[in-house]
Amino acid sequence: MPLKFSLTALPALLTGALLLGASLAHASDEQEDVTLQPMKLSYNASLDKGISLNGDARRILEQRDDGTWHFRTDVDSFVADIDESLIFRWEDNQVVPLRYRYKLSGLFIRDREEAIDFDWENNVVSGHHEGDKFSMKLEKGAMDPMGYQLQLSQDIKAGKREMEYRVIDKGDYDTDKFAVVDEETVRINGDDIRTLKAEKVRDSDSKRESLMWFAPERDYLLIRFLQVEPDGSEYELTISDAKVGR
């Protein structure tokens, strides 16, 4: 999800979807069956890094005619535009990534692209990151930079409270850990909303913080995201519109 702060991290900050409605104190250790639902989400994005910058982010999940799913993010801002997409299968409560694409373009920054293709039949993953090609063994349960975000939300919906994923990014594997840590009431668009609060688990000496708030009574959507950088600057997303279901 969040990376060292840069524009390439913006779409990864949109970890959104549905969560479990049970409270933390009564969370089940057994994973339940989870059904994906199509969704269209819009967020307001703001960056406070000595100067405030605002933009819009949209995330859409829809099922295709062949039964696979299309997950995509579009970010439009004064600084940059980002297009990110994933084609995947949903099997046994798991995202099975097939094709991942990412493109960043904008003023005053270098354009960037990444592509990852998953060959599950031959257990090979290949692609390129900023022109550098790679090919390596495909681990069971491996994720792409976008699919694990959806998997995180679905795992929490199913009752998990601590999650760990092997994520392929920039031609190599990373291990990312997350945990649901609290319940909080937050104010969004003038409303007080009860939420479950989750965080990315980092090393104890890390000064970077990534926090997510999900609303069980509003279809368990991600309604707020906050990333605080070591220098104190902040990046925040707040939901502005949501449609879940067919």
C-alpha atoms as a PDB file:
ATOM      1  CA  MET A   1       0.000   0.000   0.000  1.00  0.00           C
ATOM      2  CA  PRO A   2       1.692   3.151   1.051  1.00  0.00           C
ATOM      3  CA  LEU A   3       5.241   3.529  -0.119  1.00  0.00           C
ATOM      4  CA  LYS A   4       7.817   6.210   0.515  1.00  0.00           C
ATOM      5  CA  PHE A   5       5.836   9.342  -0.270  1.00  0.00           C
ATOM      6  CA  SER A   6       5.741   9.999  -3.961  1.00  0.00           C
ATOM      7  CA  LEU A   7       3.105  10.353  -6.629  1.00  0.00           C
ATOM      8  CA  THR A   8       3.569   6.704  -7.513  1.00  0.00           C
ATOM      9  CA  ALA A   9       2.094   5.864  -4.104  1.00  0.00           C
ATOM     10  CA  LEU A  10      -1.173   7.717  -4.582  1.00  0.00           C
ATOM     11  CA  PRO A  11      -3.293   4.904  -6.064  1.00  0.00           C
ATOM     12  CA  ALA A  12      -2.007   2.494  -3.446  1.00  0.00           C
ATOM     13  CA  LEU A  13      -3.550   4.716  -0.789  1.00  0.00           C
ATOM     14  CA  LEU A  14      -7.049   3.803  -2.011  1.00  0.00           C
ATOM     15  CA  THR A  15      -7.364   0.544  -0.121  1.00  0.00           C
ATOM     16  CA  GLY A  16     -11.157   0.346  -0.200  1.00  0.00           C
ATOM     17  CA  ALA A  17     -14.094  -2.066  -0.174  1.00  0.00           C
ATOM     18  CA  LEU A  18     -16.117  -3.981   2.361  1.00  0.00           C
ATOM     19  CA  LEU A  19     -15.265  -5.003   5.927  1.00  0.00           C
ATOM     20  CA  LEU A  20     -16.712  -7.223   8.626  1.00  0.00           C
ATOM     21  CA  GLY A  21     -19.463  -5.618  10.687  1.00  0.00           C
ATOM     22  CA  ALA A  22     -18.602  -7.348  13.962  1.00  0.00           C
ATOM     23  CA  SER A  23     -16.732  -5.428  16.635  1.00  0.00           C
ATOM     24  CA  LEU A  24     -13.061  -6.032  17.330  1.00  0.00           C
ATOM     25  CA  ALA A  25     -13.809  -7.668  20.652  1.00  0.00           C
ATOM     26  CA  HIS A  26     -15.951 -10.346  19.008  1.00  0.00           C
ATOM     27  CA  ALA A  27     -14.011 -10.910  15.772  1.00  0.00           C
ATOM     28  CA  SER A  28     -14.058 -14.513  14.572  1.00  0.00           C
ATOM     29  CA  ASP A  29     -10.892 -16.479  13.919  1.00  0.00           C
ATOM     30  CA  GLU A  30     -12.604 -18.398  11.121  1.00  0.00           C
ATOM     31  CA  GLN A  31     -12.852 -16.857   7.692  1.00  0.00           C
ATOM     32  CA  GLU A  32     -16.347 -16.669   6.243  1.00  0.00           C
ATOM     33  CA  ASP A  33     -17.355 -16.807   2.592  1.00  0.00           C
ATOM     34  CA  VAL A  34     -17.082 -13.390   0.962  1.00  0.00           C
ATOM     35  CA  THR A  35     -18.918 -12.318  -2.181  1.00  0.00           C
ATOM     36  CA  LEU A  36     -17.488  -9.464  -4.229  1.00  0.00           C
ATOM     37  CA  GLN A  37     -19.793  -6.642  -5.209  1.00  0.00           C
ATOM     38  CA  PRO A  38     -19.275  -4.091  -7.974  1.00  0.00           C
ATOM     39  CA  MET A  39     -18.506  -0.612  -6.668  1.00  0.00           C
ATOM     40  CA  LYS A  40     -17.809   2.942  -7.763  1.00  0.00           C
ATOM     41  CA  LEU A  41     -16.025   5.155  -5.231  1.00  0.00           C
ATOM     42  CA  SER A  42     -14.865   8.771  -5.390  1.00  0.00           C
ATOM     43  CA  TYR A  43     -12.429  10.449  -3.010  1.00  0.00           C
ATOM     44  CA  ASN A  44     -11.103  13.914  -2.364  1.00  0.00           C
ATOM     45  CA  ALA A  45      -7.306  13.852  -2.108  1.00  0.00           C
ATOM     46  CA  SER A  46      -5.185  16.451  -0.340  1.00  0.00           C
ATOM     47  CA  LEU A  47      -1.476  16.843   0.289  1.00  0.00           C
ATOM     48  CA  ASP A  48      -0.001  19.097   2.929  1.00  0.00           C
ATOM     49  CA  LYS A  49       3.720  19.307   2.287  1.00  0.00           C
ATOM     50  CA  GLY A  50       4.395  22.951   2.968  1.00  0.00           C
ATOM     51  CA  ILE A  51       1.784  23.709   0.288  1.00  0.00           C
ATOM     52  CA  SER A  52      -1.696  22.247  -0.104  1.00  0.00           C
ATOM     53  CA  LEU A  53      -2.540  20.388  -3.300  1.00  0.00           C
ATOM     54  CA  ASN A  54      -5.975  18.944  -4.066  1.00  0.00           C
ATOM     55  CA  GLY A  55      -7.154  16.307  -6.527  1.00  0.00           C
ATOM     56  CA  ASP A  56      -9.781  13.649  -7.199  1.00  0.00           C
ATOM     57  CA  ALA A  57      -9.450   9.874  -7.092  1.00  0.00           C
ATOM     58  CA  ARG A  58     -11.898   7.292  -8.456  1.00  0.00           C
ATOM     59  CA  ARG A  59     -11.907   3.539  -7.902  1.00  0.00           C
ATOM     60  CA  ILE A  60     -14.147   1.130  -9.805  1.00  0.00           C
ATOM     61  CA  LEU A  61     -14.658  -2.629  -9.435  1.00  0.00           C
ATOM     62  CA  GLU A  62     -16.781  -4.450 -12.018  1.00  0.00           C
ATOM     63  CA  GLN A  63     -17.258  -8.007 -13.238  1.00  0.00           C
ATOM     64  CA  ARG A  64     -16.638  -8.780 -16.898  1.00  0.00           C
ATOM     65  CA  ASP A  65     -18.692 -11.038 -19.175  1.00  0.00           C
ATOM     66  CA  ASP A  66     -16.159 -13.889 -18.872  1.00  0.00           C
ATOM     67  CA  GLY A  67     -16.480 -13.919 -15.063  1.00  0.00           C
ATOM     68  CA  THR A  68     -13.170 -12.210 -14.342  1.00  0.00           C
ATOM     69  CA  TRP A  69     -13.059  -8.857 -12.556  1.00  0.00           C
ATOM     70  CA  HIS A  70     -11.702  -5.463 -13.609  1.00  0.00           C
ATOM     71  CA  PHE A  71     -10.357  -3.222 -10.811  1.00  0.00           C
ATOM     72  CA  ARG A  72      -9.153   0.242 -11.759  1.00  0.00           C
ATOM     73  CA  THR A  73      -8.079   3.550 -10.223  1.00  0.00           C
ATOM     74  CA  ASP A  74      -7.889   6.991 -11.825  1.00  0.00           C
ATOM     75  CA  VAL A  75      -6.237   9.935 -10.065  1.00  0.00           C
ATOM     76  CA  ASP A  76      -6.490  13.443 -11.518  1.00  0.00           C
ATOM     77  CA  SER A  77      -4.572  16.266  -9.887  1.00  0.00           C
ATOM     78  CA  PHE A  78      -2.763  19.453 -10.758  1.00  0.00           C
ATOM     79  CA  VAL A  79       0.538  17.607 -10.447  1.00  0.00           C
ATOM     80  CA  ALA A  80      -0.122  14.247 -12.107  1.00  0.00           C
ATOM     81  CA  ASP A  81      -2.556  11.743 -13.622  1.00  0.00           C
ATOM     82  CA  ILE A  82      -2.457   8.073 -12.675  1.00  0.00           C
ATOM     83  CA  ASP A  83      -4.086   5.103 -14.418  1.00  0.00           C
ATOM     84  CA  GLU A  84      -3.898   1.758 -12.630  1.00  0.00           C
ATOM     85  CA  SER A  85      -5.786  -1.430 -13.476  1.00  0.00           C
ATOM     86  CA  LEU A  86      -5.983  -5.120 -12.649  1.00  0.00           C
ATOM     87  CA  ILE A  87      -7.718  -8.083 -14.277  1.00  0.00           C
ATOM     88  CA  PHE A  88      -8.187 -10.925 -11.789  1.00  0.00           C
ATOM     89  CA  ARG A  89     -10.202 -14.015 -10.839  1.00  0.00           C
ATOM     90  CA  TRP A  90     -12.009 -14.307  -7.503  1.00  0.00           C
ATOM     91  CA  GLU A  91     -11.601 -17.899  -6.253  1.00  0.00           C
ATOM     92  CA  ASP A  92     -12.120 -19.295  -2.745  1.00  0.00           C
ATOM     93  CA  ASN A  93     -12.126 -15.802  -1.185  1.00  0.00           C
ATOM     94  CA  GLN A  94      -8.837 -14.980  -2.899  1.00  0.00           C
ATOM     95  CA  VAL A  95      -7.767 -12.477  -5.521  1.00  0.00           C
ATOM     96  CA  VAL A  96      -5.933 -14.340  -8.292  1.00  0.00           C
ATOM     97  CA  PRO A  97      -4.194 -11.603 -10.332  1.00  0.00           C
ATOM     98  CA  LEU A  98      -3.841 -12.064 -14.078  1.00  0.00           C
ATOM     99  CA  ARG A  99      -2.773  -8.733 -15.588  1.00  0.00           C
ATOM    100  CA  TYR A 100      -1.633  -5.540 -13.813  1.00  0.00           C
ATOM    101  CA  ARG A 101      -0.891  -2.186 -15.459  1.00  0.00           C
ATOM    102  CA  TYR A 102       0.217   1.180 -14.034  1.00  0.00           C
ATOM    103  CA  LYS A 103       0.965   4.518 -15.693  1.00  0.00           C
ATOM    104  CA  LEU A 104       1.938   7.880 -14.187  1.00  0.00           C
ATOM    105  CA  SER A 105       2.201  11.083 -16.212  1.00  0.00           C
ATOM    106  CA  GLY A 106       2.215  14.754 -15.353  1.00  0.00           C
ATOM    107  CA  LEU A 107       3.951  18.107 -15.169  1.00  0.00           C
ATOM    108  CA  PHE A 108       7.428  18.436 -13.666  1.00  0.00           C
ATOM    109  CA  ILE A 109       7.755  14.669 -13.115  1.00  0.00           C
ATOM    110  CA  ARG A 110       9.123  11.730 -15.019  1.00  0.00           C
ATOM    111  CA  ASP A 111       6.536   9.445 -16.632  1.00  0.00           C
ATOM    112  CA  ARG A 112       6.513   5.940 -15.157  1.00  0.00           C
ATOM    113  CA  GLU A 113       5.027   2.623 -16.189  1.00  0.00           C
ATOM    114  CA  GLU A 114       4.808  -0.872 -14.745  1.00  0.00           C
ATOM    115  CA  ALA A 115       3.337  -4.123 -16.092  1.00  0.00           C
ATOM    116  CA  ILE A 116       2.968  -7.536 -14.446  1.00  0.00           C
ATOM    117  CA  ASP A 117       1.597 -10.696 -16.111  1.00  0.00           C
ATOM    118  CA  PHE A 118       0.771 -13.811 -14.074  1.00  0.00           C
ATOM    119  CA  ASP A 119       1.079 -17.267 -15.674  1.00  0.00           C
ATOM    120  CA  TRP A 120      -0.440 -19.548 -13.022  1.00  0.00           C
ATOM    121  CA  GLU A 121      -0.337 -22.619 -15.253  1.00  0.00           C
ATOM    122  CA  ASN A 122       3.469 -22.450 -15.525  1.00  0.00           C
ATOM    123  CA  ASN A 123       4.093 -20.661 -12.179  1.00  0.00           C
ATOM    124  CA  VAL A 124       5.914 -17.764 -13.832  1.00  0.00           C
ATOM    125  CA  VAL A 125       5.422 -14.023 -13.336  1.00  0.00           C
ATOM    126  CA  SER A 126       6.944 -11.535 -15.768  1.00  0.00           C
ATOM    127  CA  GLY A 127       6.739  -7.897 -16.731  1.00  0.00           C
ATOM    128  CA  HIS A 128       8.639  -4.628 -16.660  1.00  0.00           C
ATOM    129  CA  HIS A 129       9.170  -1.718 -14.297  1.00  0.00           C
ATOM    130  CA  GLU A 130      10.222   1.582 -15.873  1.00  0.00           C
ATOM    131  CA  GLY A 131      11.657  -0.330 -18.834  1.00  0.00           C
ATOM    132  CA  ASP A 132      13.537  -2.972 -16.821  1.00  0.00           C
ATOM    133  CA  LYS A 133      12.179  -6.422 -17.686  1.00  0.00           C
ATOM    134  CA  PHE A 134      11.895  -9.237 -15.150  1.00  0.00           C
ATOM    135  CA  SER A 135      10.769 -12.871 -14.955  1.00  0.00           C
ATOM    136  CA  MET A 136      10.732 -15.074 -11.853  1.00  0.00           C
ATOM    137  CA  LYS A 137       8.998 -17.961 -10.108  1.00  0.00           C
ATOM    138  CA  LEU A 138       5.392 -17.276  -9.161  1.00  0.00           C
ATOM    139  CA  GLU A 139       4.755 -17.995  -5.486  1.00  0.00           C
ATOM    140  CA  LYS A 140       1.424 -19.405  -4.358  1.00  0.00           C
ATOM    141  CA  GLY A 141      -0.851 -16.585  -3.225  1.00  0.00           C
ATOM    142  CA  ALA A 142       1.334 -13.844  -4.731  1.00  0.00           C
ATOM    143  CA  MET A 143      -0.301 -10.455  -5.227  1.00  0.00           C
ATOM    144  CA  ASP A 144       0.218  -7.388  -7.395  1.00  0.00           C
ATOM    145  CA  PRO A 145       0.389  -3.788  -6.032  1.00  0.00           C
ATOM    146  CA  MET A 146      -3.373  -3.328  -6.513  1.00  0.00           C
ATOM    147  CA  GLY A 147      -4.905  -6.747  -5.881  1.00  0.00           C
ATOM    148  CA  TYR A 148      -3.583  -7.092  -2.347  1.00  0.00           C
ATOM    149  CA  GLN A 149      -5.459  -3.897  -1.419  1.00  0.00           C
ATOM    150  CA  LEU A 150      -8.745  -5.559  -2.358  1.00  0.00           C
ATOM    151  CA  GLN A 151      -7.662  -8.775  -0.632  1.00  0.00           C
ATOM    152  CA  LEU A 152      -6.967  -6.839   2.563  1.00  0.00           C
ATOM    153  CA  SER A 153     -10.466  -5.402   2.690  1.00  0.00           C
ATOM    154  CA  GLN A 154     -12.109  -8.741   1.921  1.00  0.00           C
ATOM    155  CA  ASP A 155     -10.028 -10.546   4.550  1.00  0.00           C
ATOM    156  CA  ILE A 156     -11.109  -8.062   7.205  1.00  0.00           C
ATOM    157  CA  LYS A 157     -14.697  -8.432   6.058  1.00  0.00           C
ATOM    158  CA  ALA A 158     -14.319 -12.181   6.547  1.00  0.00           C
ATOM    159  CA  GLY A 159     -13.150 -11.748  10.137  1.00  0.00           C
ATOM    160  CA  LYS A 160      -9.372 -11.527  10.010  1.00  0.00           C
ATOM    161  CA  ARG A 161      -7.639  -8.900  12.128  1.00  0.00           C
ATOM    162  CA  GLU A 162      -3.985  -9.494  11.178  1.00  0.00           C
ATOM    163  CA  MET A 163      -2.954  -9.965   7.546  1.00  0.00           C
ATOM    164  CA  GLU A 164       0.270 -10.604   5.643  1.00  0.00           C
ATOM    165  CA  TYR A 165       0.788 -10.635   1.870  1.00  0.00           C
ATOM    166  CA  ARG A 166       3.556 -11.369  -0.608  1.00  0.00           C
ATOM    167  CA  VAL A 167       3.377  -8.517  -3.112  1.00  0.00           C
ATOM    168  CA  ILE A 168       5.227  -8.295  -6.421  1.00  0.00           C
ATOM    169  CA  ASP A 169       6.361  -4.754  -7.168  1.00  0.00           C
ATOM    170  CA  LYS A 170       9.291  -3.302  -9.100  1.00  0.00           C
ATOM    171  CA  GLY A 171      10.333  -6.782 -10.205  1.00  0.00           C
ATOM    172  CA  ASP A 172      10.682  -8.342  -6.739  1.00  0.00           C
ATOM    173  CA  TYR A 173       8.700  -9.650  -3.766  1.00  0.00           C
ATOM    174  CA  ASP A 174       7.825  -7.601  -0.656  1.00  0.00           C
ATOM    175  CA  THR A 175       6.086  -8.781   2.528  1.00  0.00           C
ATOM    176  CA  ASP A 176       3.385  -6.351   3.724  1.00  0.00           C
ATOM    177  CA  LYS A 177       1.587  -6.665   7.084  1.00  0.00           C
ATOM    178  CA  PHE A 178      -1.623  -5.014   8.307  1.00  0.00           C
ATOM    179  CA  ALA A 179      -3.778  -5.048  11.444  1.00  0.00           C
ATOM    180  CA  VAL A 180      -7.138  -3.743  12.620  1.00  0.00           C
ATOM    181  CA  VAL A 181      -6.320  -1.851  15.819  1.00  0.00           C
ATOM    182  CA  ASP A 182      -9.290   0.146  17.131  1.00  0.00           C
ATOM    183  CA  GLU A 183     -12.816   1.534  16.765  1.00  0.00           C
ATOM    184  CA  GLU A 184     -13.270   5.271  16.323  1.00  0.00           C
ATOM    185  CA  THR A 185     -15.954   7.786  15.453  1.00  0.00           C
ATOM    186  CA  VAL A 186     -14.787  10.162  12.744  1.00  0.00           C
ATOM    187  CA  ARG A 187     -16.453  13.168  11.143  1.00  0.00           C
ATOM    188  CA  ILE A 188     -16.738  13.020   7.351  1.00  0.00           C
ATOM    189  CA  ASN A 189     -18.722  15.518   5.262  1.00  0.00           C
ATOM    190  CA  GLY A 190     -20.496  16.771   8.381  1.00  0.00           C
ATOM    191  CA  ASP A 191     -21.495  13.311   9.654  1.00  0.00           C
ATOM    192  CA  ASP A 192     -20.185  11.395  12.683  1.00  0.00           C
ATOM    193  CA  ILE A 193     -19.451   7.851  11.505  1.00  0.00           C
ATOM    194  CA  ARG A 194     -18.484   4.797  13.551  1.00  0.00           C
ATOM    195  CA  THR A 195     -15.449   3.120  11.999  1.00  0.00           C
ATOM    196  CA  LEU A 196     -12.946   0.321  12.328  1.00  0.00           C
ATOM    197  CA  LYS A 197      -9.378   1.661  12.240  1.00  0.00           C
ATOM    198  CA  ALA A 198      -6.596  -0.303  10.552  1.00  0.00           C
ATOM    199  CA  GLU A 199      -2.905   0.357  10.055  1.00  0.00           C
ATOM    200  CA  LYS A 200       0.055  -0.895   8.092  1.00  0.00           C
ATOM    201  CA  VAL A 201       2.440  -2.648  10.471  1.00  0.00           C
ATOM    202  CA  ARG A 202       5.961  -1.260  10.162  1.00  0.00           C
ATOM    203  CA  ASP A 203       9.272  -1.667  11.978  1.00  0.00           C
ATOM    204  CA  SER A 204       9.317  -0.097  15.438  1.00  0.00           C
ATOM    205  CA  ASP A 205      11.832   2.549  14.336  1.00  0.00           C
ATOM    206  CA  SER A 206       9.779   3.646  11.315  1.00  0.00           C
ATOM    207  CA  LYS A 207       8.506   7.229  11.435  1.00  0.00           C
ATOM    208  CA  ARG A 208       6.027   6.711   8.607  1.00  0.00           C
ATOM    209  CA  GLU A 209       2.404   6.021   9.580  1.00  0.00           C
ATOM    210  CA  SER A 210      -0.449   4.725   7.398  1.00  0.00           C
ATOM    211  CA  LEU A 211      -3.974   4.621   8.838  1.00  0.00           C
ATOM    212  CA  MET A 212      -7.349   3.569   7.344  1.00  0.00           C
ATOM    213  CA  TRP A 213     -10.905   4.037   8.629  1.00  0.00           C
ATOM    214  CA  PHE A 214     -13.732   1.717   7.454  1.00  0.00           C
ATOM    215  CA  ALA A 215     -17.453   2.257   8.157  1.00  0.00           C
ATOM    216  CA  PRO A 216     -19.391  -0.950   9.011  1.00  0.00           C
ATOM    217  CA  GLU A 217     -22.745   0.825   8.892  1.00  0.00           C
ATOM    218  CA  ARG A 218     -22.023   2.302   5.446  1.00  0.00           C
ATOM    219  CA  ASP A 219     -21.308  -0.897   3.557  1.00  0.00           C
ATOM    220  CA  TYR A 220     -17.916  -1.092   5.311  1.00  0.00           C
ATOM    221  CA  LEU A 221     -16.342   1.365   2.871  1.00  0.00           C
ATOM    222  CA  LEU A 222     -12.976   2.977   3.333  1.00  0.00           C
ATOM    223  CA  ILE A 223     -14.052   6.509   4.218  1.00  0.00           C
ATOM    224  CA  ARG A 224     -10.707   8.007   5.230  1.00  0.00           C
ATOM    225  CA  PHE A 225      -7.016   7.333   4.687  1.00  0.00           C
ATOM    226  CA  LEU A 226      -4.140   9.220   6.293  1.00  0.00           C
ATOM    227  CA  GLN A 227      -0.428   8.843   5.656  1.00  0.00           C
ATOM    228  CA  VAL A 228       2.044  10.772   7.771  1.00  0.00           C
ATOM    229  CA  GLU A 229       5.593  11.040   6.452  1.00  0.00           C
ATOM    230  CA  PRO A 230       8.805  11.207   8.536  1.00  0.00           C
ATOM    231  CA  ASP A 231       9.060  14.944   7.832  1.00  0.00           C
ATOM    232  CA  GLY A 232       5.552  15.508   9.216  1.00  0.00           C
ATOM    233  CA  SER A 233       3.821  16.092   5.893  1.00  0.00           C
ATOM    234  CA  GLU A 234       0.457  14.408   5.405  1.00  0.00           C
ATOM    235  CA  TYR A 235      -1.503  12.846   2.557  1.00  0.00           C
ATOM    236  CA  GLU A 236      -5.231  12.325   3.129  1.00  0.00           C
ATOM    237  CA  LEU A 237      -8.162  10.786   1.267  1.00  0.00           C
ATOM    238  CA  THR A 238     -11.801  11.309   2.280  1.00  0.00           C
ATOM    239  CA  ILE A 239     -14.735   9.684   0.533  1.00  0.00           C
ATOM    240  CA  SER A 240     -17.042  11.963  -1.455  1.00  0.00           C
ATOM    241  CA  ASP A 241     -19.369   9.508  -3.228  1.00  0.00           C
ATOM    242  CA  ALA A 242     -20.006   5.763  -3.234  1.00  0.00           C
ATOM    243  CA  LYS A 243     -22.130   3.212  -5.044  1.00  0.00           C
ATOM    244  CA  VAL A 244     -21.927  -0.468  -4.054  1.00  0.00           C
ATOM    245  CA  GLY A 245     -23.822  -3.332  -5.701  1.00  0.00           C
ATOM    246  CA  ARG A 246     -25.281  -3.974  -9.095  1.00  0.00           C
END
